[in-house]
Structure formats: C-alpha cells, structure tokens
Amino acid sequence: MTAREPIVTDHAVVRYLERVHGLDVAAVREHIAGRAATAVELGAIAVQIEGVRMHLADVTVVTVTPIRRRKRKADRRDLREAP
C-alpha cells in the first residue's frame, strides 16, 4: 500500500491563517472590496491595483492574478544576443 499525500483545501488554508496566525480575513475582504469599488461602479471586468489584477463578475471580485509585464522588443533582442 502506498502512502497518500494529504490534500489541503483553500478553505483549510484560510482558516489556518485566520486561527493560527491571526490573519483578519474580514479586514482583508474589506480592503479588497474598497480597492475594487470604483471599478465595480463603472462596470469594469477587471482593475489593476497594488501590482495585481482583480477580476470582476458583476459586483464580485472573483480572483486576483499577478500583472504580467510585456517584454519590450529591446528586452527580447538582448536575450537573443546574449552569449
């Protein structure tokens, strides 16, 4: 019989951070909502704030992703010319 790896859900991670490390989830939620409020009022589908993109579905922030910086042509050229 092979040993099984435990699966840890996102819910468990959030509760762990909240209960063991004292993370104030409600305060984080309020902060995110406050930062997205204007975008929601304008009917936006996303807003870039604090180095991330908040994705919106109607009035709900559904996920947060990193902002990917586009590589400039000069950057790509430098990579090709590197020894």
PDB file of N, CA and C in Angstrom:
ATOM      1  N   MET A   1       0.837  -1.175   0.000  1.00  0.00           N
ATOM      2  CA  MET A   1       0.000   0.000   0.000  1.00  0.00           C
ATOM      3  C   MET A   1       0.887   1.245   0.000  1.00  0.00           C
ATOM      4  N   THR A   2       0.586   2.192  -0.876  1.00  0.00           N
ATOM      5  CA  THR A   2       1.386   3.413  -0.957  1.00  0.00           C
ATOM      6  C   THR A   2       0.815   4.478  -0.026  1.00  0.00           C
ATOM      7  N   ALA A   3       1.712   5.288   0.508  1.00  0.00           N
ATOM      8  CA  ALA A   3       1.288   6.379   1.390  1.00  0.00           C
ATOM      9  C   ALA A   3       0.578   7.446   0.562  1.00  0.00           C
ATOM     10  N   ARG A   4      -0.482   7.979   1.114  1.00  0.00           N
ATOM     11  CA  ARG A   4      -1.233   9.018   0.410  1.00  0.00           C
ATOM     12  C   ARG A   4      -0.869  10.385   0.966  1.00  0.00           C
ATOM     13  N   GLU A   5      -0.701  11.353   0.077  1.00  0.00           N
ATOM     14  CA  GLU A   5      -0.422  12.733   0.473  1.00  0.00           C
ATOM     15  C   GLU A   5      -1.729  13.409   0.880  1.00  0.00           C
ATOM     16  N   PRO A   6      -1.720  14.143   1.975  1.00  0.00           N
ATOM     17  CA  PRO A   6      -2.935  14.874   2.348  1.00  0.00           C
ATOM     18  C   PRO A   6      -3.233  15.979   1.332  1.00  0.00           C
ATOM     19  N   ILE A   7      -4.489  16.211   1.076  1.00  0.00           N
ATOM     20  CA  ILE A   7      -4.930  17.314   0.229  1.00  0.00           C
ATOM     21  C   ILE A   7      -5.445  18.400   1.163  1.00  0.00           C
ATOM     22  N   VAL A   8      -4.962  19.623   0.969  1.00  0.00           N
ATOM     23  CA  VAL A   8      -5.369  20.746   1.816  1.00  0.00           C
ATOM     24  C   VAL A   8      -6.161  21.724   0.954  1.00  0.00           C
ATOM     25  N   THR A   9      -7.398  21.961   1.319  1.00  0.00           N
ATOM     26  CA  THR A   9      -8.248  22.864   0.538  1.00  0.00           C
ATOM     27  C   THR A   9      -7.898  24.328   0.815  1.00  0.00           C
ATOM     28  N   ASP A  10      -8.329  25.205  -0.095  1.00  0.00           N
ATOM     29  CA  ASP A  10      -8.153  26.642   0.116  1.00  0.00           C
ATOM     30  C   ASP A  10      -8.869  27.085   1.392  1.00  0.00           C
ATOM     31  N   HIS A  11     -10.031  26.516   1.645  1.00  0.00           N
ATOM     32  CA  HIS A  11     -10.788  26.845   2.856  1.00  0.00           C
ATOM     33  C   HIS A  11      -9.956  26.530   4.104  1.00  0.00           C
ATOM     34  N   ALA A  12      -9.313  25.381   4.109  1.00  0.00           N
ATOM     35  CA  ALA A  12      -8.485  24.997   5.255  1.00  0.00           C
ATOM     36  C   ALA A  12      -7.300  25.945   5.420  1.00  0.00           C
ATOM     37  N   VAL A  13      -6.694  26.350   4.312  1.00  0.00           N
ATOM     38  CA  VAL A  13      -5.560  27.285   4.370  1.00  0.00           C
ATOM     39  C   VAL A  13      -6.010  28.619   4.963  1.00  0.00           C
ATOM     40  N   VAL A  14      -7.139  29.137   4.487  1.00  0.00           N
ATOM     41  CA  VAL A  14      -7.650  30.411   5.003  1.00  0.00           C
ATOM     42  C   VAL A  14      -7.948  30.301   6.496  1.00  0.00           C
ATOM     43  N   ARG A  15      -8.604  29.234   6.906  1.00  0.00           N
ATOM     44  CA  ARG A  15      -8.928  29.063   8.327  1.00  0.00           C
ATOM     45  C   ARG A  15      -7.657  28.917   9.168  1.00  0.00           C
ATOM     46  N   TYR A  16      -6.654  28.232   8.642  1.00  0.00           N
ATOM     47  CA  TYR A  16      -5.383  28.087   9.343  1.00  0.00           C
ATOM     48  C   TYR A  16      -4.735  29.460   9.543  1.00  0.00           C
ATOM     49  N   LEU A  17      -4.676  30.244   8.468  1.00  0.00           N
ATOM     50  CA  LEU A  17      -4.084  31.581   8.560  1.00  0.00           C
ATOM     51  C   LEU A  17      -4.853  32.455   9.549  1.00  0.00           C
ATOM     52  N   GLU A  18      -6.152  32.312   9.538  1.00  0.00           N
ATOM     53  CA  GLU A  18      -7.010  33.101  10.417  1.00  0.00           C
ATOM     54  C   GLU A  18      -6.852  32.684  11.886  1.00  0.00           C
ATOM     55  N   ARG A  19      -6.894  31.408  12.146  1.00  0.00           N
ATOM     56  CA  ARG A  19      -6.945  30.926  13.531  1.00  0.00           C
ATOM     57  C   ARG A  19      -5.582  30.699  14.174  1.00  0.00           C
ATOM     58  N   VAL A  20      -4.592  30.354  13.374  1.00  0.00           N
ATOM     59  CA  VAL A  20      -3.267  30.086  13.940  1.00  0.00           C
ATOM     60  C   VAL A  20      -2.369  31.318  13.865  1.00  0.00           C
ATOM     61  N   HIS A  21      -2.445  32.046  12.750  1.00  0.00           N
ATOM     62  CA  HIS A  21      -1.558  33.192  12.548  1.00  0.00           C
ATOM     63  C   HIS A  21      -2.245  34.533  12.760  1.00  0.00           C
ATOM     64  N   GLY A  22      -3.532  34.506  13.102  1.00  0.00           N
ATOM     65  CA  GLY A  22      -4.229  35.740  13.436  1.00  0.00           C
ATOM     66  C   GLY A  22      -4.584  36.629  12.254  1.00  0.00           C
ATOM     67  N   LEU A  23      -4.598  36.092  11.042  1.00  0.00           N
ATOM     68  CA  LEU A  23      -4.968  36.881   9.872  1.00  0.00           C
ATOM     69  C   LEU A  23      -6.424  37.316   9.996  1.00  0.00           C
ATOM     70  N   ASP A  24      -6.669  38.602   9.839  1.00  0.00           N
ATOM     71  CA  ASP A  24      -8.030  39.142   9.913  1.00  0.00           C
ATOM     72  C   ASP A  24      -8.639  39.085   8.512  1.00  0.00           C
ATOM     73  N   VAL A  25      -9.296  37.984   8.202  1.00  0.00           N
ATOM     74  CA  VAL A  25      -9.859  37.751   6.871  1.00  0.00           C
ATOM     75  C   VAL A  25     -10.896  38.816   6.530  1.00  0.00           C
ATOM     76  N   ALA A  26     -11.700  39.219   7.497  1.00  0.00           N
ATOM     77  CA  ALA A  26     -12.716  40.246   7.252  1.00  0.00           C
ATOM     78  C   ALA A  26     -12.064  41.564   6.837  1.00  0.00           C
ATOM     79  N   ALA A  27     -10.954  41.915   7.479  1.00  0.00           N
ATOM     80  CA  ALA A  27     -10.254  43.152   7.130  1.00  0.00           C
ATOM     81  C   ALA A  27      -9.668  43.068   5.721  1.00  0.00           C
ATOM     82  N   VAL A  28      -9.130  41.917   5.361  1.00  0.00           N
ATOM     83  CA  VAL A  28      -8.596  41.725   4.008  1.00  0.00           C
ATOM     84  C   VAL A  28      -9.727  41.842   2.992  1.00  0.00           C
ATOM     85  N   ARG A  29     -10.852  41.218   3.282  1.00  0.00           N
ATOM     86  CA  ARG A  29     -12.019  41.283   2.390  1.00  0.00           C
ATOM     87  C   ARG A  29     -12.478  42.734   2.213  1.00  0.00           C
ATOM     88  N   GLU A  30     -12.554  43.488   3.310  1.00  0.00           N
ATOM     89  CA  GLU A  30     -12.953  44.899   3.241  1.00  0.00           C
ATOM     90  C   GLU A  30     -11.960  45.711   2.424  1.00  0.00           C
ATOM     91  N   HIS A  31     -10.671  45.439   2.592  1.00  0.00           N
ATOM     92  CA  HIS A  31      -9.637  46.150   1.843  1.00  0.00           C
ATOM     93  C   HIS A  31      -9.799  45.903   0.345  1.00  0.00           C
ATOM     94  N   ILE A  32      -9.958  44.637  -0.038  1.00  0.00           N
ATOM     95  CA  ILE A  32     -10.127  44.294  -1.455  1.00  0.00           C
ATOM     96  C   ILE A  32     -11.388  44.960  -2.007  1.00  0.00           C
ATOM     97  N   ALA A  33     -12.489  44.891  -1.273  1.00  0.00           N
ATOM     98  CA  ALA A  33     -13.745  45.500  -1.722  1.00  0.00           C
ATOM     99  C   ALA A  33     -13.589  47.005  -1.907  1.00  0.00           C
ATOM    100  N   GLY A  34     -12.911  47.643  -0.980  1.00  0.00           N
ATOM    101  CA  GLY A  34     -12.690  49.084  -1.080  1.00  0.00           C
ATOM    102  C   GLY A  34     -11.860  49.459  -2.292  1.00  0.00           C
ATOM    103  N   ARG A  35     -10.841  48.663  -2.571  1.00  0.00           N
ATOM    104  CA  ARG A  35      -9.975  48.938  -3.722  1.00  0.00           C
ATOM    105  C   ARG A  35     -10.703  48.709  -5.042  1.00  0.00           C
ATOM    106  N   ALA A  36     -11.677  47.804  -5.064  1.00  0.00           N
ATOM    107  CA  ALA A  36     -12.392  47.476  -6.303  1.00  0.00           C
ATOM    108  C   ALA A  36     -13.676  48.284  -6.488  1.00  0.00           C
ATOM    109  N   ALA A  37     -14.069  49.074  -5.508  1.00  0.00           N
ATOM    110  CA  ALA A  37     -15.376  49.741  -5.522  1.00  0.00           C
ATOM    111  C   ALA A  37     -15.607  50.606  -6.756  1.00  0.00           C
ATOM    112  N   THR A  38     -14.657  51.446  -7.108  1.00  0.00           N
ATOM    113  CA  THR A  38     -14.842  52.326  -8.268  1.00  0.00           C
ATOM    114  C   THR A  38     -14.974  51.525  -9.550  1.00  0.00           C
ATOM    115  N   ALA A  39     -14.161  50.488  -9.699  1.00  0.00           N
ATOM    116  CA  ALA A  39     -14.238  49.643 -10.896  1.00  0.00           C
ATOM    117  C   ALA A  39     -15.602  48.975 -10.998  1.00  0.00           C
ATOM    118  N   VAL A  40     -16.138  48.525  -9.872  1.00  0.00           N
ATOM    119  CA  VAL A  40     -17.471  47.907  -9.858  1.00  0.00           C
ATOM    120  C   VAL A  40     -18.521  48.931 -10.279  1.00  0.00           C
ATOM    121  N   GLU A  41     -18.435  50.155  -9.727  1.00  0.00           N
ATOM    122  CA  GLU A  41     -19.386  51.215 -10.084  1.00  0.00           C
ATOM    123  C   GLU A  41     -19.361  51.512 -11.578  1.00  0.00           C
ATOM    124  N   LEU A  42     -18.184  51.425 -12.185  1.00  0.00           N
ATOM    125  CA  LEU A  42     -18.035  51.719 -13.612  1.00  0.00           C
ATOM    126  C   LEU A  42     -18.366  50.525 -14.499  1.00  0.00           C
ATOM    127  N   GLY A  43     -18.645  49.380 -13.893  1.00  0.00           N
ATOM    128  CA  GLY A  43     -18.983  48.187 -14.667  1.00  0.00           C
ATOM    129  C   GLY A  43     -17.786  47.501 -15.296  1.00  0.00           C
ATOM    130  N   ALA A  44     -16.609  47.721 -14.738  1.00  0.00           N
ATOM    131  CA  ALA A  44     -15.383  47.122 -15.280  1.00  0.00           C
ATOM    132  C   ALA A  44     -15.371  45.610 -15.061  1.00  0.00           C
ATOM    133  N   ILE A  45     -14.572  44.923 -15.881  1.00  0.00           N
ATOM    134  CA  ILE A  45     -14.417  43.476 -15.697  1.00  0.00           C
ATOM    135  C   ILE A  45     -13.137  43.152 -14.932  1.00  0.00           C
ATOM    136  N   ALA A  46     -12.259  44.157 -14.787  1.00  0.00           N
ATOM    137  CA  ALA A  46     -11.020  43.967 -14.028  1.00  0.00           C
ATOM    138  C   ALA A  46     -10.468  45.335 -13.664  1.00  0.00           C
ATOM    139  N   VAL A  47      -9.603  45.345 -12.656  1.00  0.00           N
ATOM    140  CA  VAL A  47      -8.922  46.569 -12.269  1.00  0.00           C
ATOM    141  C   VAL A  47      -7.514  46.198 -11.816  1.00  0.00           C
ATOM    142  N   GLN A  48      -6.537  47.014 -12.213  1.00  0.00           N
ATOM    143  CA  GLN A  48      -5.148  46.790 -11.807  1.00  0.00           C
ATOM    144  C   GLN A  48      -4.838  47.721 -10.645  1.00  0.00           C
ATOM    145  N   ILE A  49      -4.541  47.129  -9.507  1.00  0.00           N
ATOM    146  CA  ILE A  49      -4.260  47.880  -8.284  1.00  0.00           C
ATOM    147  C   ILE A  49      -3.225  47.106  -7.477  1.00  0.00           C
ATOM    148  N   GLU A  50      -2.290  47.838  -6.862  1.00  0.00           N
ATOM    149  CA  GLU A  50      -1.317  47.239  -5.949  1.00  0.00           C
ATOM    150  C   GLU A  50      -0.513  46.114  -6.595  1.00  0.00           C
ATOM    151  N   GLY A  51      -0.237  46.231  -7.884  1.00  0.00           N
ATOM    152  CA  GLY A  51       0.592  45.232  -8.561  1.00  0.00           C
ATOM    153  C   GLY A  51      -0.119  43.950  -8.935  1.00  0.00           C
ATOM    154  N   VAL A  52      -1.450  43.933  -8.812  1.00  0.00           N
ATOM    155  CA  VAL A  52      -2.233  42.758  -9.195  1.00  0.00           C
ATOM    156  C   VAL A  52      -3.429  43.188 -10.035  1.00  0.00           C
ATOM    157  N   ARG A  53      -4.054  42.213 -10.683  1.00  0.00           N
ATOM    158  CA  ARG A  53      -5.293  42.461 -11.425  1.00  0.00           C
ATOM    159  C   ARG A  53      -6.422  41.759 -10.676  1.00  0.00           C
ATOM    160  N   MET A  54      -7.437  42.543 -10.296  1.00  0.00           N
ATOM    161  CA  MET A  54      -8.626  41.988  -9.653  1.00  0.00           C
ATOM    162  C   MET A  54      -9.666  41.764 -10.741  1.00  0.00           C
ATOM    163  N   HIS A  55     -10.114  40.532 -10.892  1.00  0.00           N
ATOM    164  CA  HIS A  55     -11.090  40.171 -11.918  1.00  0.00           C
ATOM    165  C   HIS A  55     -12.487  40.233 -11.312  1.00  0.00           C
ATOM    166  N   LEU A  56     -13.385  40.920 -12.018  1.00  0.00           N
ATOM    167  CA  LEU A  56     -14.728  41.166 -11.506  1.00  0.00           C
ATOM    168  C   LEU A  56     -15.785  40.459 -12.342  1.00  0.00           C
ATOM    169  N   ALA A  57     -16.802  39.951 -11.671  1.00  0.00           N
ATOM    170  CA  ALA A  57     -18.001  39.419 -12.322  1.00  0.00           C
ATOM    171  C   ALA A  57     -19.166  40.143 -11.659  1.00  0.00           C
ATOM    172  N   ASP A  58     -19.720  41.118 -12.384  1.00  0.00           N
ATOM    173  CA  ASP A  58     -20.760  41.991 -11.853  1.00  0.00           C
ATOM    174  C   ASP A  58     -20.180  42.730 -10.643  1.00  0.00           C
ATOM    175  N   VAL A  59     -20.650  42.469  -9.438  1.00  0.00           N
ATOM    176  CA  VAL A  59     -20.147  43.185  -8.258  1.00  0.00           C
ATOM    177  C   VAL A  59     -19.229  42.315  -7.395  1.00  0.00           C
ATOM    178  N   THR A  60     -18.744  41.213  -7.956  1.00  0.00           N
ATOM    179  CA  THR A  60     -17.949  40.257  -7.189  1.00  0.00           C
ATOM    180  C   THR A  60     -16.510  40.219  -7.682  1.00  0.00           C
ATOM    181  N   VAL A  61     -15.561  40.349  -6.754  1.00  0.00           N
ATOM    182  CA  VAL A  61     -14.156  40.113  -7.090  1.00  0.00           C
ATOM    183  C   VAL A  61     -13.984  38.600  -7.046  1.00  0.00           C
ATOM    184  N   VAL A  62     -13.741  37.993  -8.222  1.00  0.00           N
ATOM    185  CA  VAL A  62     -13.725  36.532  -8.290  1.00  0.00           C
ATOM    186  C   VAL A  62     -12.332  35.933  -8.174  1.00  0.00           C
ATOM    187  N   THR A  63     -11.309  36.693  -8.552  1.00  0.00           N
ATOM    188  CA  THR A  63      -9.941  36.212  -8.379  1.00  0.00           C
ATOM    189  C   THR A  63      -8.983  37.382  -8.492  1.00  0.00           C
ATOM    190  N   VAL A  64      -7.764  37.149  -8.078  1.00  0.00           N
ATOM    191  CA  VAL A  64      -6.703  38.146  -8.152  1.00  0.00           C
ATOM    192  C   VAL A  64      -5.499  37.463  -8.779  1.00  0.00           C
ATOM    193  N   THR A  65      -4.950  38.084  -9.828  1.00  0.00           N
ATOM    194  CA  THR A  65      -3.811  37.493 -10.526  1.00  0.00           C
ATOM    195  C   THR A  65      -2.680  38.511 -10.630  1.00  0.00           C
ATOM    196  N   PRO A  66      -1.449  38.036 -10.784  1.00  0.00           N
ATOM    197  CA  PRO A  66      -0.340  38.973 -10.968  1.00  0.00           C
ATOM    198  C   PRO A  66      -0.465  39.671 -12.317  1.00  0.00           C
ATOM    199  N   ILE A  67       0.037  40.896 -12.387  1.00  0.00           N
ATOM    200  CA  ILE A  67       0.070  41.607 -13.664  1.00  0.00           C
ATOM    201  C   ILE A  67       1.324  41.163 -14.392  1.00  0.00           C
ATOM    202  N   ARG A  68       1.133  40.623 -15.585  1.00  0.00           N
ATOM    203  CA  ARG A  68       2.285  40.188 -16.372  1.00  0.00           C
ATOM    204  C   ARG A  68       2.785  41.348 -17.206  1.00  0.00           C
ATOM    205  N   ARG A  69       4.046  41.661 -17.035  1.00  0.00           N
ATOM    206  CA  ARG A  69       4.675  42.749 -17.773  1.00  0.00           C
ATOM    207  C   ARG A  69       5.024  42.250 -19.161  1.00  0.00           C
ATOM    208  N   ARG A  70       4.636  43.006 -20.172  1.00  0.00           N
ATOM    209  CA  ARG A  70       5.002  42.643 -21.543  1.00  0.00           C
ATOM    210  C   ARG A  70       6.470  42.923 -21.757  1.00  0.00           C
ATOM    211  N   LYS A  71       7.120  41.993 -22.419  1.00  0.00           N
ATOM    212  CA  LYS A  71       8.532  42.202 -22.719  1.00  0.00           C
ATOM    213  C   LYS A  71       8.649  43.184 -23.873  1.00  0.00           C
ATOM    214  N   ARG A  72       9.538  44.139 -23.715  1.00  0.00           N
ATOM    215  CA  ARG A  72       9.784  45.098 -24.791  1.00  0.00           C
ATOM    216  C   ARG A  72      10.645  44.437 -25.851  1.00  0.00           C
ATOM    217  N   LYS A  73      10.588  44.958 -27.058  1.00  0.00           N
ATOM    218  CA  LYS A  73      11.392  44.404 -28.148  1.00  0.00           C
ATOM    219  C   LYS A  73      12.870  44.419 -27.781  1.00  0.00           C
ATOM    220  N   ALA A  74      13.324  45.495 -27.134  1.00  0.00           N
ATOM    221  CA  ALA A  74      14.737  45.584 -26.756  1.00  0.00           C
ATOM    222  C   ALA A  74      15.103  44.462 -25.791  1.00  0.00           C
ATOM    223  N   ASP A  75      14.216  44.135 -24.864  1.00  0.00           N
ATOM    224  CA  ASP A  75      14.470  43.042 -23.921  1.00  0.00           C
ATOM    225  C   ASP A  75      14.618  41.720 -24.657  1.00  0.00           C
ATOM    226  N   ARG A  76      13.736  41.474 -25.634  1.00  0.00           N
ATOM    227  CA  ARG A  76      13.807  40.221 -26.396  1.00  0.00           C
ATOM    228  C   ARG A  76      15.087  40.169 -27.221  1.00  0.00           C
ATOM    229  N   ARG A  77      15.464  41.313 -27.801  1.00  0.00           N
ATOM    230  CA  ARG A  77      16.678  41.361 -28.610  1.00  0.00           C
ATOM    231  C   ARG A  77      17.891  41.061 -27.728  1.00  0.00           C
ATOM    232  N   ASP A  78      17.933  41.642 -26.523  1.00  0.00           N
ATOM    233  CA  ASP A  78      19.042  41.394 -25.604  1.00  0.00           C
ATOM    234  C   ASP A  78      19.151  39.913 -25.272  1.00  0.00           C
ATOM    235  N   LEU A  79      18.026  39.241 -25.096  1.00  0.00           N
ATOM    236  CA  LEU A  79      18.046  37.813 -24.780  1.00  0.00           C
ATOM    237  C   LEU A  79      18.609  37.001 -25.942  1.00  0.00           C
ATOM    238  N   ARG A  80      18.254  37.383 -27.176  1.00  0.00           N
ATOM    239  CA  ARG A  80      18.747  36.648 -28.349  1.00  0.00           C
ATOM    240  C   ARG A  80      20.246  36.850 -28.538  1.00  0.00           C
ATOM    241  N   GLU A  81      20.739  38.045 -28.185  1.00  0.00           N
ATOM    242  CA  GLU A  81      22.150  38.357 -28.417  1.00  0.00           C
ATOM    243  C   GLU A  81      23.052  37.906 -27.279  1.00  0.00           C
ATOM    244  N   ALA A  82      22.483  37.444 -26.192  1.00  0.00           N
ATOM    245  CA  ALA A  82      23.299  37.010 -25.052  1.00  0.00           C
ATOM    246  C   ALA A  82      24.106  35.775 -25.431  1.00  0.00           C
ATOM    247  N   PRO A  83      25.360  35.702 -24.947  1.00  0.00           N
ATOM    248  CA  PRO A  83      26.206  34.539 -25.292  1.00  0.00           C
ATOM    249  C   PRO A  83      25.721  33.259 -24.663  1.00  0.00           C
TER     250      PRO A  83
END
